[in-house]
mmCIF file of all heavy atoms, coordinates in Angstrom:
data_MODEL
# 
_entry.id   MODEL 
# 
loop_
_atom_site.group_PDB 
_atom_site.id 
_atom_site.type_symbol 
_atom_site.label_atom_id 
_atom_site.label_alt_id 
_atom_site.label_comp_id 
_atom_site.label_asym_id 
_atom_site.label_entity_id 
_atom_site.label_seq_id 
_atom_site.pdbx_PDB_ins_code 
_atom_site.Cartn_x 
_atom_site.Cartn_y 
_atom_site.Cartn_z 
_atom_site.occupancy 
_atom_site.B_iso_or_equiv 
_atom_site.pdbx_formal_charge 
_atom_site.auth_seq_id 
_atom_site.auth_comp_id 
_atom_site.auth_asym_id 
_atom_site.auth_atom_id 
_atom_site.pdbx_PDB_model_num 
ATOM 1   N N   . LEU A 1 1  ? -51.469 -75.209 47.119 1.00 0.00 ? 1  LEU A N   1 
ATOM 2   C CA  . LEU A 1 1  ? -51.483 -76.403 46.273 1.00 0.00 ? 1  LEU A CA  1 
ATOM 3   C C   . LEU A 1 1  ? -50.647 -76.212 45.008 1.00 0.00 ? 1  LEU A C   1 
ATOM 4   O O   . LEU A 1 1  ? -49.943 -77.130 44.584 1.00 0.00 ? 1  LEU A O   1 
ATOM 5   C CB  . LEU A 1 1  ? -52.913 -76.769 45.896 1.00 0.00 ? 1  LEU A CB  1 
ATOM 6   C CG  . LEU A 1 1  ? -53.739 -77.343 47.029 1.00 0.00 ? 1  LEU A CG  1 
ATOM 7   C CD1 . LEU A 1 1  ? -55.203 -77.406 46.642 1.00 0.00 ? 1  LEU A CD1 1 
ATOM 8   C CD2 . LEU A 1 1  ? -53.219 -78.719 47.410 1.00 0.00 ? 1  LEU A CD2 1 
ATOM 9   N N   . ALA A 1 2  ? -50.735 -75.029 44.422 1.00 0.00 ? 2  ALA A N   1 
ATOM 10  C CA  . ALA A 1 2  ? -49.952 -74.759 43.208 1.00 0.00 ? 2  ALA A CA  1 
ATOM 11  C C   . ALA A 1 2  ? -48.465 -74.918 43.487 1.00 0.00 ? 2  ALA A C   1 
ATOM 12  O O   . ALA A 1 2  ? -47.729 -75.508 42.684 1.00 0.00 ? 2  ALA A O   1 
ATOM 13  C CB  . ALA A 1 2  ? -50.259 -73.363 42.675 1.00 0.00 ? 2  ALA A CB  1 
ATOM 14  N N   . LYS A 1 3  ? -48.044 -74.419 44.618 1.00 0.00 ? 3  LYS A N   1 
ATOM 15  C CA  . LYS A 1 3  ? -46.632 -74.550 44.991 1.00 0.00 ? 3  LYS A CA  1 
ATOM 16  C C   . LYS A 1 3  ? -46.280 -76.021 45.243 1.00 0.00 ? 3  LYS A C   1 
ATOM 17  O O   . LYS A 1 3  ? -45.238 -76.504 44.811 1.00 0.00 ? 3  LYS A O   1 
ATOM 18  C CB  . LYS A 1 3  ? -46.349 -73.712 46.234 1.00 0.00 ? 3  LYS A CB  1 
ATOM 19  C CG  . LYS A 1 3  ? -44.898 -73.629 46.600 1.00 0.00 ? 3  LYS A CG  1 
ATOM 20  C CD  . LYS A 1 3  ? -44.668 -72.664 47.737 1.00 0.00 ? 3  LYS A CD  1 
ATOM 21  C CE  . LYS A 1 3  ? -43.185 -72.545 48.030 1.00 0.00 ? 3  LYS A CE  1 
ATOM 22  N NZ  . LYS A 1 3  ? -42.909 -71.583 49.087 1.00 0.00 ? 3  LYS A NZ  1 
ATOM 23  N N   . ALA A 1 4  ? -47.162 -76.739 45.925 1.00 0.00 ? 4  ALA A N   1 
ATOM 24  C CA  . ALA A 1 4  ? -46.894 -78.135 46.284 1.00 0.00 ? 4  ALA A CA  1 
ATOM 25  C C   . ALA A 1 4  ? -46.804 -79.054 45.066 1.00 0.00 ? 4  ALA A C   1 
ATOM 26  O O   . ALA A 1 4  ? -46.033 -80.011 45.068 1.00 0.00 ? 4  ALA A O   1 
ATOM 27  C CB  . ALA A 1 4  ? -47.975 -78.646 47.227 1.00 0.00 ? 4  ALA A CB  1 
ATOM 28  N N   . VAL A 1 5  ? -47.590 -78.762 44.026 1.00 0.00 ? 5  VAL A N   1 
ATOM 29  C CA  . VAL A 1 5  ? -47.602 -79.647 42.851 1.00 0.00 ? 5  VAL A CA  1 
ATOM 30  C C   . VAL A 1 5  ? -46.925 -79.019 41.630 1.00 0.00 ? 5  VAL A C   1 
ATOM 31  O O   . VAL A 1 5  ? -46.992 -79.567 40.536 1.00 0.00 ? 5  VAL A O   1 
ATOM 32  C CB  . VAL A 1 5  ? -49.040 -80.105 42.490 1.00 0.00 ? 5  VAL A CB  1 
ATOM 33  C CG1 . VAL A 1 5  ? -49.674 -80.854 43.645 1.00 0.00 ? 5  VAL A CG1 1 
ATOM 34  C CG2 . VAL A 1 5  ? -49.907 -78.935 42.042 1.00 0.00 ? 5  VAL A CG2 1 
ATOM 35  N N   . SER A 1 6  ? -46.299 -77.869 41.823 1.00 0.00 ? 6  SER A N   1 
ATOM 36  C CA  . SER A 1 6  ? -45.607 -77.152 40.741 1.00 0.00 ? 6  SER A CA  1 
ATOM 37  C C   . SER A 1 6  ? -46.528 -76.894 39.548 1.00 0.00 ? 6  SER A C   1 
ATOM 38  O O   . SER A 1 6  ? -46.225 -77.256 38.412 1.00 0.00 ? 6  SER A O   1 
ATOM 39  C CB  . SER A 1 6  ? -44.375 -77.940 40.285 1.00 0.00 ? 6  SER A CB  1 
ATOM 40  O OG  . SER A 1 6  ? -43.482 -78.121 41.348 1.00 0.00 ? 6  SER A OG  1 
ATOM 41  N N   . ALA A 1 7  ? -47.655 -76.246 39.842 1.00 0.00 ? 7  ALA A N   1 
ATOM 42  C CA  . ALA A 1 7  ? -48.632 -75.944 38.787 1.00 0.00 ? 7  ALA A CA  1 
ATOM 43  C C   . ALA A 1 7  ? -48.939 -74.452 38.775 1.00 0.00 ? 7  ALA A C   1 
ATOM 44  O O   . ALA A 1 7  ? -48.733 -73.750 39.768 1.00 0.00 ? 7  ALA A O   1 
ATOM 45  C CB  . ALA A 1 7  ? -49.916 -76.726 39.034 1.00 0.00 ? 7  ALA A CB  1 
ATOM 46  N N   . ASP A 1 8  ? -49.427 -73.979 37.649 1.00 0.00 ? 8  ASP A N   1 
ATOM 47  C CA  . ASP A 1 8  ? -49.886 -72.613 37.520 1.00 0.00 ? 8  ASP A CA  1 
ATOM 48  C C   . ASP A 1 8  ? -51.123 -72.428 38.402 1.00 0.00 ? 8  ASP A C   1 
ATOM 49  O O   . ASP A 1 8  ? -52.071 -73.226 38.325 1.00 0.00 ? 8  ASP A O   1 
ATOM 50  C CB  . ASP A 1 8  ? -50.230 -72.314 36.055 1.00 0.00 ? 8  ASP A CB  1 
ATOM 51  C CG  . ASP A 1 8  ? -50.804 -70.927 35.878 1.00 0.00 ? 8  ASP A CG  1 
ATOM 52  O OD1 . ASP A 1 8  ? -50.021 -69.964 35.889 1.00 0.00 ? 8  ASP A OD1 1 
ATOM 53  O OD2 . ASP A 1 8  ? -52.042 -70.825 35.739 1.00 0.00 ? 8  ASP A OD2 1 
ATOM 54  N N   . GLU A 1 9  ? -51.106 -71.424 39.237 1.00 0.00 ? 9  GLU A N   1 
ATOM 55  C CA  . GLU A 1 9  ? -52.183 -71.226 40.207 1.00 0.00 ? 9  GLU A CA  1 
ATOM 56  C C   . GLU A 1 9  ? -53.549 -71.028 39.548 1.00 0.00 ? 9  GLU A C   1 
ATOM 57  O O   . GLU A 1 9  ? -54.552 -71.608 39.990 1.00 0.00 ? 9  GLU A O   1 
ATOM 58  C CB  . GLU A 1 9  ? -51.856 -70.028 41.106 1.00 0.00 ? 9  GLU A CB  1 
ATOM 59  C CG  . GLU A 1 9  ? -52.807 -69.864 42.250 1.00 0.00 ? 9  GLU A CG  1 
ATOM 60  C CD  . GLU A 1 9  ? -52.399 -68.743 43.196 1.00 0.00 ? 9  GLU A CD  1 
ATOM 61  O OE1 . GLU A 1 9  ? -51.213 -68.372 43.241 1.00 0.00 ? 9  GLU A OE1 1 
ATOM 62  O OE2 . GLU A 1 9  ? -53.304 -68.245 43.903 1.00 0.00 ? 9  GLU A OE2 1 
ATOM 63  N N   . SER A 1 10 ? -53.609 -70.243 38.510 1.00 0.00 ? 10 SER A N   1 
ATOM 64  C CA  . SER A 1 10 ? -54.877 -69.982 37.833 1.00 0.00 ? 10 SER A CA  1 
ATOM 65  C C   . SER A 1 10 ? -55.433 -71.252 37.180 1.00 0.00 ? 10 SER A C   1 
ATOM 66  O O   . SER A 1 10 ? -56.628 -71.564 37.301 1.00 0.00 ? 10 SER A O   1 
ATOM 67  C CB  . SER A 1 10 ? -54.681 -68.883 36.782 1.00 0.00 ? 10 SER A CB  1 
ATOM 68  O OG  . SER A 1 10 ? -55.863 -68.651 36.082 1.00 0.00 ? 10 SER A OG  1 
ATOM 69  N N   . ALA A 1 11 ? -54.582 -71.994 36.518 1.00 0.00 ? 11 ALA A N   1 
ATOM 70  C CA  . ALA A 1 11 ? -55.013 -73.233 35.872 1.00 0.00 ? 11 ALA A CA  1 
ATOM 71  C C   . ALA A 1 11 ? -55.432 -74.266 36.919 1.00 0.00 ? 11 ALA A C   1 
ATOM 72  O O   . ALA A 1 11 ? -56.423 -74.989 36.739 1.00 0.00 ? 11 ALA A O   1 
ATOM 73  C CB  . ALA A 1 11 ? -53.895 -73.794 35.000 1.00 0.00 ? 11 ALA A CB  1 
ATOM 74  N N   . LEU A 1 12 ? -54.691 -74.311 38.017 1.00 0.00 ? 12 LEU A N   1 
ATOM 75  C CA  . LEU A 1 12 ? -55.018 -75.263 39.079 1.00 0.00 ? 12 LEU A CA  1 
ATOM 76  C C   . LEU A 1 12 ? -56.365 -74.929 39.704 1.00 0.00 ? 12 LEU A C   1 
ATOM 77  O O   . LEU A 1 12 ? -57.154 -75.816 40.017 1.00 0.00 ? 12 LEU A O   1 
ATOM 78  C CB  . LEU A 1 12 ? -53.925 -75.286 40.141 1.00 0.00 ? 12 LEU A CB  1 
ATOM 79  C CG  . LEU A 1 12 ? -54.124 -76.305 41.256 1.00 0.00 ? 12 LEU A CG  1 
ATOM 80  C CD1 . LEU A 1 12 ? -54.184 -77.729 40.709 1.00 0.00 ? 12 LEU A CD1 1 
ATOM 81  C CD2 . LEU A 1 12 ? -53.026 -76.186 42.291 1.00 0.00 ? 12 LEU A CD2 1 
ATOM 82  N N   . ARG A 1 13 ? -56.660 -73.657 39.876 1.00 0.00 ? 13 ARG A N   1 
ATOM 83  C CA  . ARG A 1 13 ? -57.969 -73.270 40.428 1.00 0.00 ? 13 ARG A CA  1 
ATOM 84  C C   . ARG A 1 13 ? -59.096 -73.751 39.527 1.00 0.00 ? 13 ARG A C   1 
ATOM 85  O O   . ARG A 1 13 ? -60.110 -74.265 40.002 1.00 0.00 ? 13 ARG A O   1 
ATOM 86  C CB  . ARG A 1 13 ? -58.054 -71.764 40.642 1.00 0.00 ? 13 ARG A CB  1 
ATOM 87  C CG  . ARG A 1 13 ? -59.430 -71.352 41.192 1.00 0.00 ? 13 ARG A CG  1 
ATOM 88  C CD  . ARG A 1 13 ? -59.437 -69.952 41.767 1.00 0.00 ? 13 ARG A CD  1 
ATOM 89  N NE  . ARG A 1 13 ? -60.753 -69.567 42.194 1.00 0.00 ? 13 ARG A NE  1 
ATOM 90  C CZ  . ARG A 1 13 ? -61.330 -69.970 43.307 1.00 0.00 ? 13 ARG A CZ  1 
ATOM 91  N NH1 . ARG A 1 13 ? -60.706 -70.780 44.127 1.00 0.00 ? 13 ARG A NH1 1 
ATOM 92  N NH2 . ARG A 1 13 ? -62.542 -69.567 43.636 1.00 0.00 ? 13 ARG A NH2 1 
ATOM 93  N N   . ARG A 1 14 ? -58.934 -73.613 38.222 1.00 0.00 ? 14 ARG A N   1 
ATOM 94  C CA  . ARG A 1 14 ? -59.954 -74.110 37.292 1.00 0.00 ? 14 ARG A CA  1 
ATOM 95  C C   . ARG A 1 14 ? -60.114 -75.626 37.421 1.00 0.00 ? 14 ARG A C   1 
ATOM 96  O O   . ARG A 1 14 ? -61.231 -76.143 37.399 1.00 0.00 ? 14 ARG A O   1 
ATOM 97  C CB  . ARG A 1 14 ? -59.620 -73.706 35.855 1.00 0.00 ? 14 ARG A CB  1 
ATOM 98  C CG  . ARG A 1 14 ? -59.778 -72.210 35.603 1.00 0.00 ? 14 ARG A CG  1 
ATOM 99  C CD  . ARG A 1 14 ? -59.686 -71.847 34.135 1.00 0.00 ? 14 ARG A CD  1 
ATOM 100 N NE  . ARG A 1 14 ? -58.423 -72.202 33.527 1.00 0.00 ? 14 ARG A NE  1 
ATOM 101 C CZ  . ARG A 1 14 ? -57.330 -71.443 33.544 1.00 0.00 ? 14 ARG A CZ  1 
ATOM 102 N NH1 . ARG A 1 14 ? -57.357 -70.274 34.152 1.00 0.00 ? 14 ARG A NH1 1 
ATOM 103 N NH2 . ARG A 1 14 ? -56.221 -71.842 32.951 1.00 0.00 ? 14 ARG A NH2 1 
ATOM 104 N N   . LEU A 1 15 ? -59.001 -76.323 37.566 1.00 0.00 ? 15 LEU A N   1 
ATOM 105 C CA  . LEU A 1 15 ? -59.058 -77.776 37.745 1.00 0.00 ? 15 LEU A CA  1 
ATOM 106 C C   . LEU A 1 15 ? -59.786 -78.124 39.048 1.00 0.00 ? 15 LEU A C   1 
ATOM 107 O O   . LEU A 1 15 ? -60.636 -79.014 39.072 1.00 0.00 ? 15 LEU A O   1 
ATOM 108 C CB  . LEU A 1 15 ? -57.644 -78.366 37.754 1.00 0.00 ? 15 LEU A CB  1 
ATOM 109 C CG  . LEU A 1 15 ? -57.564 -79.872 38.009 1.00 0.00 ? 15 LEU A CG  1 
ATOM 110 C CD1 . LEU A 1 15 ? -58.156 -80.647 36.838 1.00 0.00 ? 15 LEU A CD1 1 
ATOM 111 C CD2 . LEU A 1 15 ? -56.135 -80.290 38.251 1.00 0.00 ? 15 LEU A CD2 1 
ATOM 112 N N   . LEU A 1 16 ? -59.473 -77.424 40.126 1.00 0.00 ? 16 LEU A N   1 
ATOM 113 C CA  . LEU A 1 16 ? -60.113 -77.690 41.412 1.00 0.00 ? 16 LEU A CA  1 
ATOM 114 C C   . LEU A 1 16 ? -61.617 -77.415 41.366 1.00 0.00 ? 16 LEU A C   1 
ATOM 115 O O   . LEU A 1 16 ? -62.411 -78.144 41.958 1.00 0.00 ? 16 LEU A O   1 
ATOM 116 C CB  . LEU A 1 16 ? -59.449 -76.857 42.512 1.00 0.00 ? 16 LEU A CB  1 
ATOM 117 C CG  . LEU A 1 16 ? -58.047 -77.317 42.897 1.00 0.00 ? 16 LEU A CG  1 
ATOM 118 C CD1 . LEU A 1 16 ? -57.315 -76.219 43.668 1.00 0.00 ? 16 LEU A CD1 1 
ATOM 119 C CD2 . LEU A 1 16 ? -58.093 -78.607 43.693 1.00 0.00 ? 16 LEU A CD2 1 
ATOM 120 N N   . ILE A 1 17 ? -62.008 -76.397 40.645 1.00 0.00 ? 17 ILE A N   1 
ATOM 121 C CA  . ILE A 1 17 ? -63.440 -76.110 40.493 1.00 0.00 ? 17 ILE A CA  1 
ATOM 122 C C   . ILE A 1 17 ? -64.110 -77.237 39.714 1.00 0.00 ? 17 ILE A C   1 
ATOM 123 O O   . ILE A 1 17 ? -65.201 -77.686 40.062 1.00 0.00 ? 17 ILE A O   1 
ATOM 124 C CB  . ILE A 1 17 ? -63.653 -74.735 39.835 1.00 0.00 ? 17 ILE A CB  1 
ATOM 125 C CG1 . ILE A 1 17 ? -63.253 -73.640 40.833 1.00 0.00 ? 17 ILE A CG1 1 
ATOM 126 C CG2 . ILE A 1 17 ? -65.103 -74.549 39.380 1.00 0.00 ? 17 ILE A CG2 1 
ATOM 127 C CD1 . ILE A 1 17 ? -63.166 -72.251 40.247 1.00 0.00 ? 17 ILE A CD1 1 
ATOM 128 N N   . ALA A 1 18 ? -63.443 -77.723 38.663 1.00 0.00 ? 18 ALA A N   1 
ATOM 129 C CA  . ALA A 1 18 ? -63.987 -78.853 37.905 1.00 0.00 ? 18 ALA A CA  1 
ATOM 130 C C   . ALA A 1 18 ? -64.099 -80.084 38.808 1.00 0.00 ? 18 ALA A C   1 
ATOM 131 O O   . ALA A 1 18 ? -65.100 -80.804 38.772 1.00 0.00 ? 18 ALA A O   1 
ATOM 132 C CB  . ALA A 1 18 ? -63.106 -79.150 36.694 1.00 0.00 ? 18 ALA A CB  1 
ATOM 133 N N   . LEU A 1 19 ? -63.092 -80.325 39.623 1.00 0.00 ? 19 LEU A N   1 
ATOM 134 C CA  . LEU A 1 19 ? -63.124 -81.468 40.540 1.00 0.00 ? 19 LEU A CA  1 
ATOM 135 C C   . LEU A 1 19 ? -64.235 -81.311 41.580 1.00 0.00 ? 19 LEU A C   1 
ATOM 136 O O   . LEU A 1 19 ? -64.839 -82.287 42.013 1.00 0.00 ? 19 LEU A O   1 
ATOM 137 C CB  . LEU A 1 19 ? -61.769 -81.623 41.235 1.00 0.00 ? 19 LEU A CB  1 
ATOM 138 C CG  . LEU A 1 19 ? -60.627 -82.091 40.332 1.00 0.00 ? 19 LEU A CG  1 
ATOM 139 C CD1 . LEU A 1 19 ? -59.286 -81.897 41.022 1.00 0.00 ? 19 LEU A CD1 1 
ATOM 140 C CD2 . LEU A 1 19 ? -60.824 -83.537 39.909 1.00 0.00 ? 19 LEU A CD2 1 
ATOM 141 N N   . THR A 1 20 ? -64.523 -80.070 41.945 1.00 0.00 ? 20 THR A N   1 
ATOM 142 C CA  . THR A 1 20 ? -65.615 -79.805 42.884 1.00 0.00 ? 20 THR A CA  1 
ATOM 143 C C   . THR A 1 20 ? -66.954 -80.163 42.253 1.00 0.00 ? 20 THR A C   1 
ATOM 144 O O   . THR A 1 20 ? -67.811 -80.768 42.911 1.00 0.00 ? 20 THR A O   1 
ATOM 145 C CB  . THR A 1 20 ? -65.582 -78.330 43.324 1.00 0.00 ? 20 THR A CB  1 
ATOM 146 O OG1 . THR A 1 20 ? -64.329 -78.087 43.978 1.00 0.00 ? 20 THR A OG1 1 
ATOM 147 C CG2 . THR A 1 20 ? -66.716 -77.986 44.259 1.00 0.00 ? 20 THR A CG2 1 
ATOM 148 N N   . THR A 1 21 ? -67.134 -79.834 40.991 1.00 0.00 ? 21 THR A N   1 
ATOM 149 C CA  . THR A 1 21 ? -68.404 -80.165 40.325 1.00 0.00 ? 21 THR A CA  1 
ATOM 150 C C   . THR A 1 21 ? -68.578 -81.671 40.176 1.00 0.00 ? 21 THR A C   1 
ATOM 151 O O   . THR A 1 21 ? -69.708 -82.158 40.090 1.00 0.00 ? 21 THR A O   1 
ATOM 152 C CB  . THR A 1 21 ? -68.526 -79.497 38.935 1.00 0.00 ? 21 THR A CB  1 
ATOM 153 O OG1 . THR A 1 21 ? -67.530 -80.014 38.066 1.00 0.00 ? 21 THR A OG1 1 
ATOM 154 C CG2 . THR A 1 21 ? -68.428 -77.994 39.026 1.00 0.00 ? 21 THR A CG2 1 
ATOM 155 N N   . LEU A 1 22 ? -67.471 -82.414 40.187 1.00 0.00 ? 22 LEU A N   1 
ATOM 156 C CA  . LEU A 1 22 ? -67.536 -83.875 40.092 1.00 0.00 ? 22 LEU A CA  1 
ATOM 157 C C   . LEU A 1 22 ? -67.666 -84.539 41.461 1.00 0.00 ? 22 LEU A C   1 
ATOM 158 O O   . LEU A 1 22 ? -67.807 -85.752 41.546 1.00 0.00 ? 22 LEU A O   1 
ATOM 159 C CB  . LEU A 1 22 ? -66.279 -84.408 39.391 1.00 0.00 ? 22 LEU A CB  1 
ATOM 160 C CG  . LEU A 1 22 ? -66.081 -83.986 37.942 1.00 0.00 ? 22 LEU A CG  1 
ATOM 161 C CD1 . LEU A 1 22 ? -64.749 -84.490 37.422 1.00 0.00 ? 22 LEU A CD1 1 
ATOM 162 C CD2 . LEU A 1 22 ? -67.236 -84.484 37.079 1.00 0.00 ? 22 LEU A CD2 1 
ATOM 163 N N   . GLY A 1 23 ? -67.564 -83.763 42.530 1.00 0.00 ? 23 GLY A N   1 
ATOM 164 C CA  . GLY A 1 23 ? -67.678 -84.313 43.867 1.00 0.00 ? 23 GLY A CA  1 
ATOM 165 C C   . GLY A 1 23 ? -66.390 -84.886 44.412 1.00 0.00 ? 23 GLY A C   1 
ATOM 166 O O   . GLY A 1 23 ? -66.387 -85.613 45.405 1.00 0.00 ? 23 GLY A O   1 
ATOM 167 N N   . ILE A 1 24 ? -65.261 -84.555 43.795 1.00 0.00 ? 24 ILE A N   1 
ATOM 168 C CA  . ILE A 1 24 ? -63.961 -85.064 44.227 1.00 0.00 ? 24 ILE A CA  1 
ATOM 169 C C   . ILE A 1 24 ? -63.331 -84.130 45.261 1.00 0.00 ? 24 ILE A C   1 
ATOM 170 O O   . ILE A 1 24 ? -62.636 -84.574 46.160 1.00 0.00 ? 24 ILE A O   1 
ATOM 171 C CB  . ILE A 1 24 ? -63.045 -85.283 43.006 1.00 0.00 ? 24 ILE A CB  1 
ATOM 172 C CG1 . ILE A 1 24 ? -63.615 -86.445 42.186 1.00 0.00 ? 24 ILE A CG1 1 
ATOM 173 C CG2 . ILE A 1 24 ? -61.604 -85.539 43.416 1.00 0.00 ? 24 ILE A CG2 1 
ATOM 174 C CD1 . ILE A 1 24 ? -62.941 -86.687 40.866 1.00 0.00 ? 24 ILE A CD1 1 
ATOM 175 N N   . CYS A 1 25 ? -63.592 -82.859 45.119 1.00 0.00 ? 25 CYS A N   1 
ATOM 176 C CA  . CYS A 1 25 ? -63.121 -81.844 46.068 1.00 0.00 ? 25 CYS A CA  1 
ATOM 177 C C   . CYS A 1 25 ? -64.325 -81.040 46.523 1.00 0.00 ? 25 CYS A C   1 
ATOM 178 O O   . CYS A 1 25 ? -65.393 -81.094 45.909 1.00 0.00 ? 25 CYS A O   1 
ATOM 179 C CB  . CYS A 1 25 ? -62.136 -80.881 45.403 1.00 0.00 ? 25 CYS A CB  1 
ATOM 180 S SG  . CYS A 1 25 ? -60.556 -81.595 44.995 1.00 0.00 ? 25 CYS A SG  1 
ATOM 181 N N   . SER A 1 26 ? -64.124 -80.290 47.577 1.00 0.00 ? 26 SER A N   1 
ATOM 182 C CA  . SER A 1 26 ? -65.152 -79.345 47.992 1.00 0.00 ? 26 SER A CA  1 
ATOM 183 C C   . SER A 1 26 ? -64.485 -78.014 48.309 1.00 0.00 ? 26 SER A C   1 
ATOM 184 O O   . SER A 1 26 ? -63.334 -77.977 48.754 1.00 0.00 ? 26 SER A O   1 
ATOM 185 C CB  . SER A 1 26 ? -65.941 -79.866 49.200 1.00 0.00 ? 26 SER A CB  1 
ATOM 186 O OG  . SER A 1 26 ? -65.092 -80.053 50.300 1.00 0.00 ? 26 SER A OG  1 
ATOM 187 N N   . LEU A 1 27 ? -65.217 -76.964 48.041 1.00 0.00 ? 27 LEU A N   1 
ATOM 188 C CA  . LEU A 1 27 ? -64.747 -75.608 48.332 1.00 0.00 ? 27 LEU A CA  1 
ATOM 189 C C   . LEU A 1 27 ? -65.104 -75.317 49.777 1.00 0.00 ? 27 LEU A C   1 
ATOM 190 O O   . LEU A 1 27 ? -66.272 -75.302 50.153 1.00 0.00 ? 27 LEU A O   1 
ATOM 191 C CB  . LEU A 1 27 ? -65.396 -74.616 47.380 1.00 0.00 ? 27 LEU A CB  1 
ATOM 192 C CG  . LEU A 1 27 ? -64.956 -73.169 47.472 1.00 0.00 ? 27 LEU A CG  1 
ATOM 193 C CD1 . LEU A 1 27 ? -63.472 -73.036 47.166 1.00 0.00 ? 27 LEU A CD1 1 
ATOM 194 C CD2 . LEU A 1 27 ? -65.767 -72.327 46.503 1.00 0.00 ? 27 LEU A CD2 1 
ATOM 195 N N   . VAL A 1 28 ? -64.087 -75.129 50.603 1.00 0.00 ? 28 VAL A N   1 
ATOM 196 C CA  . VAL A 1 28 ? -64.295 -74.928 52.035 1.00 0.00 ? 28 VAL A CA  1 
ATOM 197 C C   . VAL A 1 28 ? -64.443 -73.455 52.359 1.00 0.00 ? 28 VAL A C   1 
ATOM 198 O O   . VAL A 1 28 ? -65.230 -73.055 53.182 1.00 0.00 ? 28 VAL A O   1 
ATOM 199 C CB  . VAL A 1 28 ? -63.122 -75.542 52.837 1.00 0.00 ? 28 VAL A CB  1 
ATOM 200 C CG1 . VAL A 1 28 ? -63.250 -75.264 54.314 1.00 0.00 ? 28 VAL A CG1 1 
ATOM 201 C CG2 . VAL A 1 28 ? -63.026 -77.030 52.566 1.00 0.00 ? 28 VAL A CG2 1 
ATOM 202 N N   . ASP A 1 29 ? -63.690 -72.643 51.701 1.00 0.00 ? 29 ASP A N   1 
ATOM 203 C CA  . ASP A 1 29 ? -63.687 -71.208 51.905 1.00 0.00 ? 29 ASP A CA  1 
ATOM 204 C C   . ASP A 1 29 ? -63.659 -70.613 50.508 1.00 0.00 ? 29 ASP A C   1 
ATOM 205 O O   . ASP A 1 29 ? -63.742 -71.340 49.529 1.00 0.00 ? 29 ASP A O   1 
ATOM 206 C CB  . ASP A 1 29 ? -62.451 -70.834 52.727 1.00 0.00 ? 29 ASP A CB  1 
ATOM 207 C CG  . ASP A 1 29 ? -62.560 -69.494 53.419 1.00 0.00 ? 29 ASP A CG  1 
ATOM 208 O OD1 . ASP A 1 29 ? -63.463 -68.709 53.069 1.00 0.00 ? 29 ASP A OD1 1 
ATOM 209 O OD2 . ASP A 1 29 ? -61.732 -69.223 54.307 1.00 0.00 ? 29 ASP A OD2 1 
# 
């Protein structure tokens, strides 16, 4: 995803975790 959206991988992971807590994403693995 970081490569696809041209984002810093570490920062993007934090964003994805925040989105998971909001119910927008889910952690599959």
